[in-house]
PDB file of N, CA and C in Angstrom:
ATOM      1  N   MET A   1     183.165  -6.605 -53.124  1.00  0.00           N
ATOM      2  CA  MET A   1     183.419  -5.319 -53.759  1.00  0.00           C
ATOM      3  C   MET A   1     184.685  -5.411 -54.608  1.00  0.00           C
ATOM      4  N   THR A   2     184.664  -4.674 -55.703  1.00  0.00           N
ATOM      5  CA  THR A   2     185.834  -4.658 -56.569  1.00  0.00           C
ATOM      6  C   THR A   2     186.841  -3.632 -56.053  1.00  0.00           C
ATOM      7  N   THR A   3     188.046  -3.698 -56.573  1.00  0.00           N
ATOM      8  CA  THR A   3     189.107  -2.781 -56.137  1.00  0.00           C
ATOM      9  C   THR A   3     188.742  -1.317 -56.397  1.00  0.00           C
ATOM     10  N   PRO A   4     188.203  -0.940 -57.568  1.00  0.00           N
ATOM     11  CA  PRO A   4     187.817   0.469 -57.757  1.00  0.00           C
ATOM     12  C   PRO A   4     186.730   0.924 -56.780  1.00  0.00           C
ATOM     13  N   GLN A   5     185.806   0.028 -56.446  1.00  0.00           N
ATOM     14  CA  GLN A   5     184.770   0.387 -55.489  1.00  0.00           C
ATOM     15  C   GLN A   5     185.363   0.640 -54.108  1.00  0.00           C
ATOM     16  N   ILE A   6     186.289  -0.193 -53.708  1.00  0.00           N
ATOM     17  CA  ILE A   6     186.943  -0.017 -52.406  1.00  0.00           C
ATOM     18  C   ILE A   6     187.731   1.285 -52.384  1.00  0.00           C
ATOM     19  N   ALA A   7     188.457   1.567 -53.472  1.00  0.00           N
ATOM     20  CA  ALA A   7     189.221   2.811 -53.555  1.00  0.00           C
ATOM     21  C   ALA A   7     188.299   4.021 -53.479  1.00  0.00           C
ATOM     22  N   ALA A   8     187.157   3.960 -54.159  1.00  0.00           N
ATOM     23  CA  ALA A   8     186.203   5.073 -54.127  1.00  0.00           C
ATOM     24  C   ALA A   8     185.652   5.292 -52.726  1.00  0.00           C
ATOM     25  N   VAL A   9     185.362   4.215 -52.027  1.00  0.00           N
ATOM     26  CA  VAL A   9     184.845   4.326 -50.659  1.00  0.00           C
ATOM     27  C   VAL A   9     185.915   4.912 -49.741  1.00  0.00           C
ATOM     28  N   VAL A  10     187.141   4.475 -49.890  1.00  0.00           N
ATOM     29  CA  VAL A  10     188.233   4.993 -49.064  1.00  0.00           C
ATOM     30  C   VAL A  10     188.435   6.487 -49.313  1.00  0.00           C
ATOM     31  N   ILE A  11     188.422   6.893 -50.576  1.00  0.00           N
ATOM     32  CA  ILE A  11     188.574   8.316 -50.906  1.00  0.00           C
ATOM     33  C   ILE A  11     187.407   9.114 -50.333  1.00  0.00           C
ATOM     34  N   PHE A  12     186.202   8.601 -50.487  1.00  0.00           N
ATOM     35  CA  PHE A  12     185.013   9.267 -49.946  1.00  0.00           C
ATOM     36  C   PHE A  12     185.127   9.453 -48.433  1.00  0.00           C
ATOM     37  N   LEU A  13     185.497   8.396 -47.736  1.00  0.00           N
ATOM     38  CA  LEU A  13     185.627   8.489 -46.276  1.00  0.00           C
ATOM     39  C   LEU A  13     186.732   9.449 -45.867  1.00  0.00           C
ATOM     40  N   ALA A  14     187.842   9.463 -46.621  1.00  0.00           N
ATOM     41  CA  ALA A  14     188.932  10.396 -46.327  1.00  0.00           C
ATOM     42  C   ALA A  14     188.465  11.837 -46.502  1.00  0.00           C
ATOM     43  N   VAL A  15     187.688  12.089 -47.531  1.00  0.00           N
ATOM     44  CA  VAL A  15     187.164  13.442 -47.750  1.00  0.00           C
ATOM     45  C   VAL A  15     186.213  13.829 -46.625  1.00  0.00           C
ATOM     46  N   ILE A  16     185.345  12.925 -46.232  1.00  0.00           N
ATOM     47  CA  ILE A  16     184.398  13.206 -45.149  1.00  0.00           C
ATOM     48  C   ILE A  16     185.141  13.490 -43.848  1.00  0.00           C
ATOM     49  N   VAL A  17     186.156  12.700 -43.540  1.00  0.00           N
ATOM     50  CA  VAL A  17     186.937  12.921 -42.310  1.00  0.00           C
ATOM     51  C   VAL A  17     187.659  14.261 -42.382  1.00  0.00           C
ATOM     52  N   ALA A  18     188.219  14.595 -43.541  1.00  0.00           N
ATOM     53  CA  ALA A  18     188.913  15.885 -43.689  1.00  0.00           C
ATOM     54  C   ALA A  18     187.941  17.046 -43.485  1.00  0.00           C
ATOM     55  N   ILE A  19     186.723  16.902 -43.987  1.00  0.00           N
ATOM     56  CA  ILE A  19     185.722  17.966 -43.806  1.00  0.00           C
ATOM     57  C   ILE A  19     185.278  18.054 -42.351  1.00  0.00           C
ATOM     58  N   MET A  20     185.059  16.912 -41.725  1.00  0.00           N
ATOM     59  CA  MET A  20     184.592  16.901 -40.334  1.00  0.00           C
ATOM     60  C   MET A  20     185.624  17.467 -39.369  1.00  0.00           C
ATOM     61  N   THR A  21     186.894  17.159 -39.601  1.00  0.00           N
ATOM     62  CA  THR A  21     187.933  17.637 -38.691  1.00  0.00           C
ATOM     63  C   THR A  21     188.349  19.073 -38.990  1.00  0.00           C
ATOM     64  N   GLU A  22     187.931  19.587 -40.146  1.00  0.00           N
ATOM     65  CA  GLU A  22     188.246  20.953 -40.573  1.00  0.00           C
ATOM     66  C   GLU A  22     189.747  21.218 -40.620  1.00  0.00           C
ATOM     67  N   LYS A  23     190.528  20.177 -40.935  1.00  0.00           N
ATOM     68  CA  LYS A  23     191.975  20.347 -41.093  1.00  0.00           C
ATOM     69  C   LYS A  23     192.284  21.129 -42.367  1.00  0.00           C
ATOM     70  N   ILE A  24     191.490  20.874 -43.404  1.00  0.00           N
ATOM     71  CA  ILE A  24     191.607  21.637 -44.645  1.00  0.00           C
ATOM     72  C   ILE A  24     190.216  22.112 -45.031  1.00  0.00           C
ATOM     73  N   HIS A  25     190.152  23.135 -45.848  1.00  0.00           N
ATOM     74  CA  HIS A  25     188.857  23.689 -46.261  1.00  0.00           C
ATOM     75  C   HIS A  25     188.059  22.635 -47.018  1.00  0.00           C
ATOM     76  N   ARG A  26     186.748  22.647 -46.822  1.00  0.00           N
ATOM     77  CA  ARG A  26     185.907  21.609 -47.427  1.00  0.00           C
ATOM     78  C   ARG A  26     185.945  21.624 -48.944  1.00  0.00           C
ATOM     79  N   ALA A  27     186.104  22.800 -49.549  1.00  0.00           N
ATOM     80  CA  ALA A  27     186.194  22.864 -51.011  1.00  0.00           C
ATOM     81  C   ALA A  27     187.477  22.199 -51.504  1.00  0.00           C
ATOM     82  N   VAL A  28     188.563  22.388 -50.762  1.00  0.00           N
ATOM     83  CA  VAL A  28     189.840  21.768 -51.122  1.00  0.00           C
ATOM     84  C   VAL A  28     189.732  20.250 -50.968  1.00  0.00           C
ATOM     85  N   ALA A  29     189.114  19.801 -49.897  1.00  0.00           N
ATOM     86  CA  ALA A  29     188.953  18.359 -49.675  1.00  0.00           C
ATOM     87  C   ALA A  29     188.103  17.730 -50.776  1.00  0.00           C
ATOM     88  N   ALA A  30     186.997  18.366 -51.131  1.00  0.00           N
ATOM     89  CA  ALA A  30     186.119  17.836 -52.166  1.00  0.00           C
ATOM     90  C   ALA A  30     186.816  17.817 -53.528  1.00  0.00           C
ATOM     91  N   THR A  31     187.526  18.888 -53.837  1.00  0.00           N
ATOM     92  CA  THR A  31     188.241  18.951 -55.111  1.00  0.00           C
ATOM     93  C   THR A  31     189.343  17.903 -55.164  1.00  0.00           C
ATOM     94  N   ALA A  32     190.067  17.737 -54.075  1.00  0.00           N
ATOM     95  CA  ALA A  32     191.129  16.734 -54.028  1.00  0.00           C
ATOM     96  C   ALA A  32     190.556  15.330 -54.211  1.00  0.00           C
ATOM     97  N   GLY A  33     189.420  15.057 -53.593  1.00  0.00           N
ATOM     98  CA  GLY A  33     188.780  13.759 -53.761  1.00  0.00           C
ATOM     99  C   GLY A  33     188.359  13.516 -55.199  1.00  0.00           C
ATOM    100  N   ALA A  34     187.790  14.540 -55.836  1.00  0.00           N
ATOM    101  CA  ALA A  34     187.373  14.396 -57.238  1.00  0.00           C
ATOM    102  C   ALA A  34     188.576  14.195 -58.150  1.00  0.00           C
ATOM    103  N   VAL A  35     189.649  14.934 -57.900  1.00  0.00           N
ATOM    104  CA  VAL A  35     190.860  14.785 -58.719  1.00  0.00           C
ATOM    105  C   VAL A  35     191.453  13.393 -58.538  1.00  0.00           C
ATOM    106  N   LEU A  36     191.464  12.889 -57.314  1.00  0.00           N
ATOM    107  CA  LEU A  36     191.961  11.531 -57.077  1.00  0.00           C
ATOM    108  C   LEU A  36     191.141  10.488 -57.840  1.00  0.00           C
ATOM    109  N   LEU A  37     189.827  10.654 -57.827  1.00  0.00           N
ATOM    110  CA  LEU A  37     188.975   9.717 -58.566  1.00  0.00           C
ATOM    111  C   LEU A  37     189.269   9.776 -60.066  1.00  0.00           C
ATOM    112  N   LEU A  38     189.549  10.972 -60.572  1.00  0.00           N
ATOM    113  CA  LEU A  38     189.890  11.111 -61.988  1.00  0.00           C
ATOM    114  C   LEU A  38     191.255  10.504 -62.296  1.00  0.00           C
ATOM    115  N   LEU A  39     192.238  10.776 -61.435  1.00  0.00           N
ATOM    116  CA  LEU A  39     193.596  10.280 -61.675  1.00  0.00           C
ATOM    117  C   LEU A  39     193.683   8.763 -61.601  1.00  0.00           C
ATOM    118  N   ILE A  40     192.954   8.186 -60.675  1.00  0.00           N
ATOM    119  CA  ILE A  40     192.983   6.733 -60.511  1.00  0.00           C
ATOM    120  C   ILE A  40     192.216   6.047 -61.641  1.00  0.00           C
ATOM    121  N   GLY A  41     191.306   6.762 -62.271  1.00  0.00           N
ATOM    122  CA  GLY A  41     190.542   6.201 -63.370  1.00  0.00           C
ATOM    123  C   GLY A  41     189.193   5.651 -62.964  1.00  0.00           C
ATOM    124  N   ILE A  42     188.784   5.910 -61.744  1.00  0.00           N
ATOM    125  CA  ILE A  42     187.481   5.460 -61.285  1.00  0.00           C
ATOM    126  C   ILE A  42     186.391   6.277 -61.974  1.00  0.00           C
ATOM    127  N   LEU A  43     186.691   7.527 -62.231  1.00  0.00           N
ATOM    128  CA  LEU A  43     185.756   8.453 -62.850  1.00  0.00           C
ATOM    129  C   LEU A  43     186.406   9.014 -64.102  1.00  0.00           C
ATOM    130  N   ASP A  44     185.649   9.093 -65.190  1.00  0.00           N
ATOM    131  CA  ASP A  44     186.203   9.739 -66.383  1.00  0.00           C
ATOM    132  C   ASP A  44     185.651  11.163 -66.470  1.00  0.00           C
ATOM    133  N   VAL A  45     186.284  11.989 -67.265  1.00  0.00           N
ATOM    134  CA  VAL A  45     185.945  13.412 -67.319  1.00  0.00           C
ATOM    135  C   VAL A  45     184.500  13.622 -67.760  1.00  0.00           C
ATOM    136  N   ASN A  46     184.046  12.874 -68.736  1.00  0.00           N
ATOM    137  CA  ASN A  46     182.675  13.049 -69.224  1.00  0.00           C
ATOM    138  C   ASN A  46     181.643  12.768 -68.141  1.00  0.00           C
ATOM    139  N   SER A  47     181.823  11.707 -67.392  1.00  0.00           N
ATOM    140  CA  SER A  47     180.858  11.416 -66.331  1.00  0.00           C
ATOM    141  C   SER A  47     180.996  12.408 -65.182  1.00  0.00           C
ATOM    142  N   ALA A  48     182.214  12.872 -64.909  1.00  0.00           N
ATOM    143  CA  ALA A  48     182.405  13.865 -63.853  1.00  0.00           C
ATOM    144  C   ALA A  48     181.670  15.157 -64.196  1.00  0.00           C
ATOM    145  N   VAL A  49     181.774  15.590 -65.440  1.00  0.00           N
ATOM    146  CA  VAL A  49     181.083  16.813 -65.868  1.00  0.00           C
ATOM    147  C   VAL A  49     179.571  16.620 -65.835  1.00  0.00           C
ATOM    148  N   SER A  50     179.108  15.417 -66.117  1.00  0.00           N
ATOM    149  CA  SER A  50     177.659  15.173 -66.114  1.00  0.00           C
ATOM    150  C   SER A  50     177.066  15.278 -64.705  1.00  0.00           C
ATOM    151  N   TYR A  51     177.884  15.136 -63.661  1.00  0.00           N
ATOM    152  CA  TYR A  51     177.398  15.238 -62.292  1.00  0.00           C
ATOM    153  C   TYR A  51     177.286  16.676 -61.806  1.00  0.00           C
ATOM    154  N   ILE A  52     177.810  17.632 -62.551  1.00  0.00           N
ATOM    155  CA  ILE A  52     177.769  19.037 -62.145  1.00  0.00           C
ATOM    156  C   ILE A  52     176.391  19.606 -62.465  1.00  0.00           C
ATOM    157  N   ASP A  53     175.762  20.219 -61.483  1.00  0.00           N
ATOM    158  CA  ASP A  53     174.469  20.872 -61.689  1.00  0.00           C
ATOM    159  C   ASP A  53     174.742  22.329 -62.050  1.00  0.00           C
ATOM    160  N   PHE A  54     174.715  22.615 -63.355  1.00  0.00           N
ATOM    161  CA  PHE A  54     175.069  23.950 -63.818  1.00  0.00           C
ATOM    162  C   PHE A  54     174.035  24.997 -63.422  1.00  0.00           C
ATOM    163  N   ASN A  55     172.799  24.590 -63.145  1.00  0.00           N
ATOM    164  CA  ASN A  55     171.809  25.545 -62.627  1.00  0.00           C
ATOM    165  C   ASN A  55     172.267  26.096 -61.281  1.00  0.00           C
ATOM    166  N   THR A  56     172.814  25.245 -60.434  1.00  0.00           N
ATOM    167  CA  THR A  56     173.316  25.682 -59.139  1.00  0.00           C
ATOM    168  C   THR A  56     174.547  26.559 -59.299  1.00  0.00           C
ATOM    169  N   VAL A  57     175.423  26.210 -60.219  1.00  0.00           N
ATOM    170  CA  VAL A  57     176.626  27.008 -60.456  1.00  0.00           C
ATOM    171  C   VAL A  57     176.243  28.412 -60.908  1.00  0.00           C
ATOM    172  N   VAL A  58     175.315  28.515 -61.852  1.00  0.00           N
ATOM    173  CA  VAL A  58     174.881  29.830 -62.342  1.00  0.00           C
ATOM    174  C   VAL A  58     174.170  30.600 -61.249  1.00  0.00           C
ATOM    175  N   TRP A  59     173.345  29.925 -60.457  1.00  0.00           N
ATOM    176  CA  TRP A  59     172.646  30.601 -59.364  1.00  0.00           C
ATOM    177  C   TRP A  59     173.643  31.159 -58.349  1.00  0.00           C
ATOM    178  N   ASN A  60     174.637  30.354 -57.989  1.00  0.00           N
ATOM    179  CA  ASN A  60     175.656  30.833 -57.044  1.00  0.00           C
ATOM    180  C   ASN A  60     176.434  32.004 -57.612  1.00  0.00           C
ATOM    181  N   ASP A  61     176.754  31.948 -58.901  1.00  0.00           N
ATOM    182  CA  ASP A  61     177.467  33.050 -59.530  1.00  0.00           C
ATOM    183  C   ASP A  61     176.611  34.327 -59.493  1.00  0.00           C
ATOM    184  N   GLY A  62     175.324  34.186 -59.732  1.00  0.00           N
ATOM    185  CA  GLY A  62     174.430  35.335 -59.654  1.00  0.00           C
ATOM    186  C   GLY A  62     174.353  35.919 -58.254  1.00  0.00           C
ATOM    187  N   GLU A  63     174.354  35.057 -57.262  1.00  0.00           N
ATOM    188  CA  GLU A  63     174.337  35.527 -55.877  1.00  0.00           C
ATOM    189  C   GLU A  63     175.617  36.293 -55.531  1.00  0.00           C
ATOM    190  N   ILE A  64     176.734  35.812 -56.034  1.00  0.00           N
ATOM    191  CA  ILE A  64     178.014  36.475 -55.766  1.00  0.00           C
ATOM    192  C   ILE A  64     178.049  37.832 -56.456  1.00  0.00           C
ATOM    193  N   ASP A  65     177.511  37.909 -57.683  1.00  0.00           N
ATOM    194  CA  ASP A  65     177.502  39.174 -58.416  1.00  0.00           C
ATOM    195  C   ASP A  65     176.622  40.212 -57.745  1.00  0.00           C
ATOM    196  N   ILE A  66     175.531  39.778 -57.110  1.00  0.00           N
ATOM    197  CA  ILE A  66     174.615  40.701 -56.454  1.00  0.00           C
ATOM    198  C   ILE A  66     175.246  41.296 -55.196  1.00  0.00           C
ATOM    199  N   SER A  67     175.984  40.493 -54.459  1.00  0.00           N
ATOM    200  CA  SER A  67     176.521  40.967 -53.178  1.00  0.00           C
ATOM    201  C   SER A  67     177.778  41.768 -53.320  1.00  0.00           C
TER     202      SER A  67
END
């Protein structure tokens, strides 16, 4: 494995452990992991945005507006 791959796996596992232990909110853990991947350069902004499912984002926003 290359160094960026190892770093990505370590960040992923840290996020999973943070979510499992509930030490911090899962949204904060996920966001922190994504920001770390961006800062380290493992992920670039264009590819990060391409992973967002905007149909789900709009659906969730609609659900929040209804309630």
